[in-house]
Amino acid sequence: MTRSDRLLRLSSIVEVEEKARARRLEALAAEISHQSGQLDLLRRYRQETAEQLAVGRVGESFSVRALQDQQGYLAALDRAIGQGEQRRVQLQAELERLREAWRVVRRRVQGIDQVAERARCDEDRQIRRKEQVVLDDYPRRNAD
């Protein structure tokens, strides 16, 4: 097995790792997108609920207990939005970490491929030299 063959084999092994990391990146990006969509829905719901509660209060009297319940509900929505935002930020940080790790592996694959290509060119050059030596010696050997 030639050096270029060994390097290509190594490249394919590292490429499997690179593809696995790329799939993880894709899955995490989809999760972030889903999380952002859910947060947007929750924010809209919170806004609509607050508007409905405000409109409902106009001209009506509410008990203190009902107002506290409404405020508690909105506060719970705010906490849920805050937690969702924290989770999204954590996922985004994880995505950046994984993206950098993927880039490192990708550069490794590219480097191995370049070295393998150089080795293949060197091997081809050596084969051509050997063939040329044989061709150059042929007339001399046949002349004797």
C-alpha atoms as a PDB file:
ATOM      1  CA  MET A   1       0.000   0.000   0.000  1.00  0.00           C
ATOM      2  CA  THR A   2       1.433   3.327  -1.030  1.00  0.00           C
ATOM      3  CA  ARG A   3       1.725   6.388   1.153  1.00  0.00           C
ATOM      4  CA  SER A   4      -1.012   8.168  -0.798  1.00  0.00           C
ATOM      5  CA  ASP A   5      -3.339   5.167  -0.314  1.00  0.00           C
ATOM      6  CA  ARG A   6      -2.727   5.216   3.439  1.00  0.00           C
ATOM      7  CA  LEU A   7      -3.336   8.960   3.562  1.00  0.00           C
ATOM      8  CA  LEU A   8      -6.554   8.648   1.556  1.00  0.00           C
ATOM      9  CA  ARG A   9      -7.734   5.947   3.925  1.00  0.00           C
ATOM     10  CA  LEU A  10      -6.958   8.223   6.883  1.00  0.00           C
ATOM     11  CA  SER A  11      -8.753  11.066   5.124  1.00  0.00           C
ATOM     12  CA  SER A  12     -11.895   8.972   4.705  1.00  0.00           C
ATOM     13  CA  ILE A  13     -11.857   8.092   8.409  1.00  0.00           C
ATOM     14  CA  VAL A  14     -11.518  11.745   9.432  1.00  0.00           C
ATOM     15  CA  GLU A  15     -14.149  12.693   6.856  1.00  0.00           C
ATOM     16  CA  VAL A  16     -16.645  10.413   8.610  1.00  0.00           C
ATOM     17  CA  GLU A  17     -16.043  12.412  11.790  1.00  0.00           C
ATOM     18  CA  GLU A  18     -16.436  15.666   9.863  1.00  0.00           C
ATOM     19  CA  LYS A  19     -19.763  14.547   8.399  1.00  0.00           C
ATOM     20  CA  ALA A  20     -21.022  13.491  11.838  1.00  0.00           C
ATOM     21  CA  ARG A  21     -20.155  16.926  13.185  1.00  0.00           C
ATOM     22  CA  ALA A  22     -21.879  18.573  10.223  1.00  0.00           C
ATOM     23  CA  ARG A  23     -25.042  16.555  10.922  1.00  0.00           C
ATOM     24  CA  ARG A  24     -24.920  17.606  14.579  1.00  0.00           C
ATOM     25  CA  LEU A  25     -24.535  21.232  13.483  1.00  0.00           C
ATOM     26  CA  GLU A  26     -27.548  20.895  11.219  1.00  0.00           C
ATOM     27  CA  ALA A  27     -29.650  19.331  13.975  1.00  0.00           C
ATOM     28  CA  LEU A  28     -28.654  22.013  16.466  1.00  0.00           C
ATOM     29  CA  ALA A  29     -29.417  24.791  13.979  1.00  0.00           C
ATOM     30  CA  ALA A  30     -32.864  23.258  13.444  1.00  0.00           C
ATOM     31  CA  GLU A  31     -33.388  23.084  17.212  1.00  0.00           C
ATOM     32  CA  ILE A  32     -32.405  26.760  17.558  1.00  0.00           C
ATOM     33  CA  SER A  33     -34.800  27.682  14.778  1.00  0.00           C
ATOM     34  CA  HIS A  34     -37.596  25.744  16.474  1.00  0.00           C
ATOM     35  CA  GLN A  35     -36.762  27.328  19.831  1.00  0.00           C
ATOM     36  CA  SER A  36     -36.832  30.816  18.285  1.00  0.00           C
ATOM     37  CA  GLY A  37     -40.193  30.087  16.678  1.00  0.00           C
ATOM     38  CA  GLN A  38     -41.602  28.888  19.989  1.00  0.00           C
ATOM     39  CA  LEU A  39     -40.293  32.016  21.715  1.00  0.00           C
ATOM     40  CA  ASP A  40     -41.901  34.226  19.094  1.00  0.00           C
ATOM     41  CA  LEU A  41     -45.222  32.455  19.582  1.00  0.00           C
ATOM     42  CA  LEU A  42     -44.966  32.800  23.350  1.00  0.00           C
ATOM     43  CA  ARG A  43     -44.117  36.491  23.093  1.00  0.00           C
ATOM     44  CA  ARG A  44     -47.084  37.111  20.793  1.00  0.00           C
ATOM     45  CA  TYR A  45     -49.360  35.168  23.119  1.00  0.00           C
ATOM     46  CA  ARG A  46     -48.116  37.184  26.084  1.00  0.00           C
ATOM     47  CA  GLN A  47     -48.680  40.433  24.185  1.00  0.00           C
ATOM     48  CA  GLU A  48     -52.199  39.431  23.090  1.00  0.00           C
ATOM     49  CA  THR A  49     -53.082  38.267  26.581  1.00  0.00           C
ATOM     50  CA  ALA A  50     -51.848  41.508  28.132  1.00  0.00           C
ATOM     51  CA  GLU A  51     -53.860  43.515  25.584  1.00  0.00           C
ATOM     52  CA  GLN A  52     -56.991  41.456  26.188  1.00  0.00           C
ATOM     53  CA  LEU A  53     -56.654  41.863  29.936  1.00  0.00           C
ATOM     54  CA  ALA A  54     -56.126  45.599  29.568  1.00  0.00           C
ATOM     55  CA  VAL A  55     -59.158  45.944  27.285  1.00  0.00           C
ATOM     56  CA  GLY A  56     -61.244  43.846  29.639  1.00  0.00           C
ATOM     57  CA  ARG A  57     -60.426  46.134  32.549  1.00  0.00           C
ATOM     58  CA  VAL A  58     -61.723  49.262  30.867  1.00  0.00           C
ATOM     59  CA  GLY A  59     -65.049  50.224  32.376  1.00  0.00           C
ATOM     60  CA  GLU A  60     -65.259  47.097  34.508  1.00  0.00           C
ATOM     61  CA  SER A  61     -64.446  46.569  38.083  1.00  0.00           C
ATOM     62  CA  PHE A  62     -62.242  43.670  39.056  1.00  0.00           C
ATOM     63  CA  SER A  63     -61.540  42.194  42.379  1.00  0.00           C
ATOM     64  CA  VAL A  64     -58.051  42.527  43.738  1.00  0.00           C
ATOM     65  CA  ARG A  65     -57.738  38.757  43.566  1.00  0.00           C
ATOM     66  CA  ALA A  66     -58.595  38.711  39.835  1.00  0.00           C
ATOM     67  CA  LEU A  67     -56.004  41.424  39.126  1.00  0.00           C
ATOM     68  CA  GLN A  68     -53.372  39.537  41.104  1.00  0.00           C
ATOM     69  CA  ASP A  69     -54.186  36.354  39.202  1.00  0.00           C
ATOM     70  CA  GLN A  70     -53.830  38.162  35.886  1.00  0.00           C
ATOM     71  CA  GLN A  71     -50.553  39.751  36.924  1.00  0.00           C
ATOM     72  CA  GLY A  72     -49.302  36.394  38.187  1.00  0.00           C
ATOM     73  CA  TYR A  73     -50.203  34.778  34.881  1.00  0.00           C
ATOM     74  CA  LEU A  74     -48.355  37.454  32.907  1.00  0.00           C
ATOM     75  CA  ALA A  75     -45.380  37.124  35.262  1.00  0.00           C
ATOM     76  CA  ALA A  76     -45.354  33.356  34.659  1.00  0.00           C
ATOM     77  CA  LEU A  77     -45.374  33.992  30.909  1.00  0.00           C
ATOM     78  CA  ASP A  78     -42.486  36.445  31.340  1.00  0.00           C
ATOM     79  CA  ARG A  79     -40.502  33.826  33.283  1.00  0.00           C
ATOM     80  CA  ALA A  80     -41.174  31.224  30.596  1.00  0.00           C
ATOM     81  CA  ILE A  81     -40.017  33.675  27.918  1.00  0.00           C
ATOM     82  CA  GLY A  82     -36.879  34.457  29.927  1.00  0.00           C
ATOM     83  CA  GLN A  83     -36.080  30.765  30.364  1.00  0.00           C
ATOM     84  CA  GLY A  84     -36.676  30.117  26.679  1.00  0.00           C
ATOM     85  CA  GLU A  85     -34.387  32.997  25.779  1.00  0.00           C
ATOM     86  CA  GLN A  86     -31.672  31.637  28.088  1.00  0.00           C
ATOM     87  CA  ARG A  87     -32.009  28.216  26.465  1.00  0.00           C
ATOM     88  CA  ARG A  88     -31.768  29.765  22.997  1.00  0.00           C
ATOM     89  CA  VAL A  89     -28.622  31.670  23.987  1.00  0.00           C
ATOM     90  CA  GLN A  90     -27.098  28.463  25.381  1.00  0.00           C
ATOM     91  CA  LEU A  91     -27.946  26.599  22.184  1.00  0.00           C
ATOM     92  CA  GLN A  92     -26.445  29.399  20.095  1.00  0.00           C
ATOM     93  CA  ALA A  93     -23.212  29.223  22.122  1.00  0.00           C
ATOM     94  CA  GLU A  94     -23.152  25.447  21.674  1.00  0.00           C
ATOM     95  CA  LEU A  95     -23.689  25.917  17.939  1.00  0.00           C
ATOM     96  CA  GLU A  96     -20.696  28.245  17.717  1.00  0.00           C
ATOM     97  CA  ARG A  97     -18.547  25.801  19.699  1.00  0.00           C
ATOM     98  CA  LEU A  98     -19.584  22.909  17.450  1.00  0.00           C
ATOM     99  CA  ARG A  99     -19.087  25.023  14.321  1.00  0.00           C
ATOM    100  CA  GLU A 100     -15.504  25.785  15.347  1.00  0.00           C
ATOM    101  CA  ALA A 101     -14.851  22.106  16.130  1.00  0.00           C
ATOM    102  CA  TRP A 102     -16.270  21.202  12.701  1.00  0.00           C
ATOM    103  CA  ARG A 103     -13.984  23.765  11.041  1.00  0.00           C
ATOM    104  CA  VAL A 104     -10.952  22.212  12.757  1.00  0.00           C
ATOM    105  CA  VAL A 105     -11.877  18.738  11.523  1.00  0.00           C
ATOM    106  CA  ARG A 106     -12.677  20.100   8.048  1.00  0.00           C
ATOM    107  CA  ARG A 107      -9.247  21.746   7.836  1.00  0.00           C
ATOM    108  CA  ARG A 108      -7.675  18.465   8.953  1.00  0.00           C
ATOM    109  CA  VAL A 109      -9.479  16.578   6.163  1.00  0.00           C
ATOM    110  CA  GLN A 110      -8.381  19.160   3.606  1.00  0.00           C
ATOM    111  CA  GLY A 111      -4.784  19.033   4.864  1.00  0.00           C
ATOM    112  CA  ILE A 112      -4.664  15.249   4.686  1.00  0.00           C
ATOM    113  CA  ASP A 113      -6.149  15.361   1.192  1.00  0.00           C
ATOM    114  CA  GLN A 114      -3.495  17.846   0.074  1.00  0.00           C
ATOM    115  CA  VAL A 115      -0.677  15.728   1.507  1.00  0.00           C
ATOM    116  CA  ALA A 116      -2.181  12.616  -0.126  1.00  0.00           C
ATOM    117  CA  GLU A 117      -2.339  14.398  -3.479  1.00  0.00           C
ATOM    118  CA  ARG A 118       1.298  15.477  -3.171  1.00  0.00           C
ATOM    119  CA  ALA A 119       2.276  11.920  -2.241  1.00  0.00           C
ATOM    120  CA  ARG A 120       0.373  10.581  -5.254  1.00  0.00           C
ATOM    121  CA  CYS A 121       2.152  13.065  -7.526  1.00  0.00           C
ATOM    122  CA  ASP A 122       5.522  12.033  -6.044  1.00  0.00           C
ATOM    123  CA  GLU A 123       4.677   8.368  -6.555  1.00  0.00           C
ATOM    124  CA  ASP A 124       3.643   9.025 -10.161  1.00  0.00           C
ATOM    125  CA  ARG A 125       6.863  10.953 -10.738  1.00  0.00           C
ATOM    126  CA  GLN A 126       8.935   8.086  -9.314  1.00  0.00           C
ATOM    127  CA  ILE A 127       7.108   5.579 -11.516  1.00  0.00           C
ATOM    128  CA  ARG A 128       7.756   7.715 -14.600  1.00  0.00           C
ATOM    129  CA  ARG A 129      11.447   8.014 -13.672  1.00  0.00           C
ATOM    130  CA  LYS A 130      11.751   4.247 -13.262  1.00  0.00           C
ATOM    131  CA  GLU A 131      10.039   3.721 -16.601  1.00  0.00           C
ATOM    132  CA  GLN A 132      12.367   6.256 -18.210  1.00  0.00           C
ATOM    133  CA  VAL A 133      15.416   4.519 -16.753  1.00  0.00           C
ATOM    134  CA  VAL A 134      14.165   1.203 -18.156  1.00  0.00           C
ATOM    135  CA  LEU A 135      13.545   2.802 -21.542  1.00  0.00           C
ATOM    136  CA  ASP A 136      16.950   4.511 -21.521  1.00  0.00           C
ATOM    137  CA  ASP A 137      18.730   1.256 -20.603  1.00  0.00           C
ATOM    138  CA  TYR A 138      16.823  -0.869 -23.103  1.00  0.00           C
ATOM    139  CA  PRO A 139      18.840   0.035 -26.193  1.00  0.00           C
ATOM    140  CA  ARG A 140      22.103  -0.419 -24.323  1.00  0.00           C
ATOM    141  CA  ARG A 141      21.119  -3.849 -23.026  1.00  0.00           C
ATOM    142  CA  ASN A 142      19.881  -4.973 -26.422  1.00  0.00           C
ATOM    143  CA  ALA A 143      23.023  -3.691 -28.137  1.00  0.00           C
ATOM    144  CA  ASP A 144      25.226  -6.012 -26.102  1.00  0.00           C
END
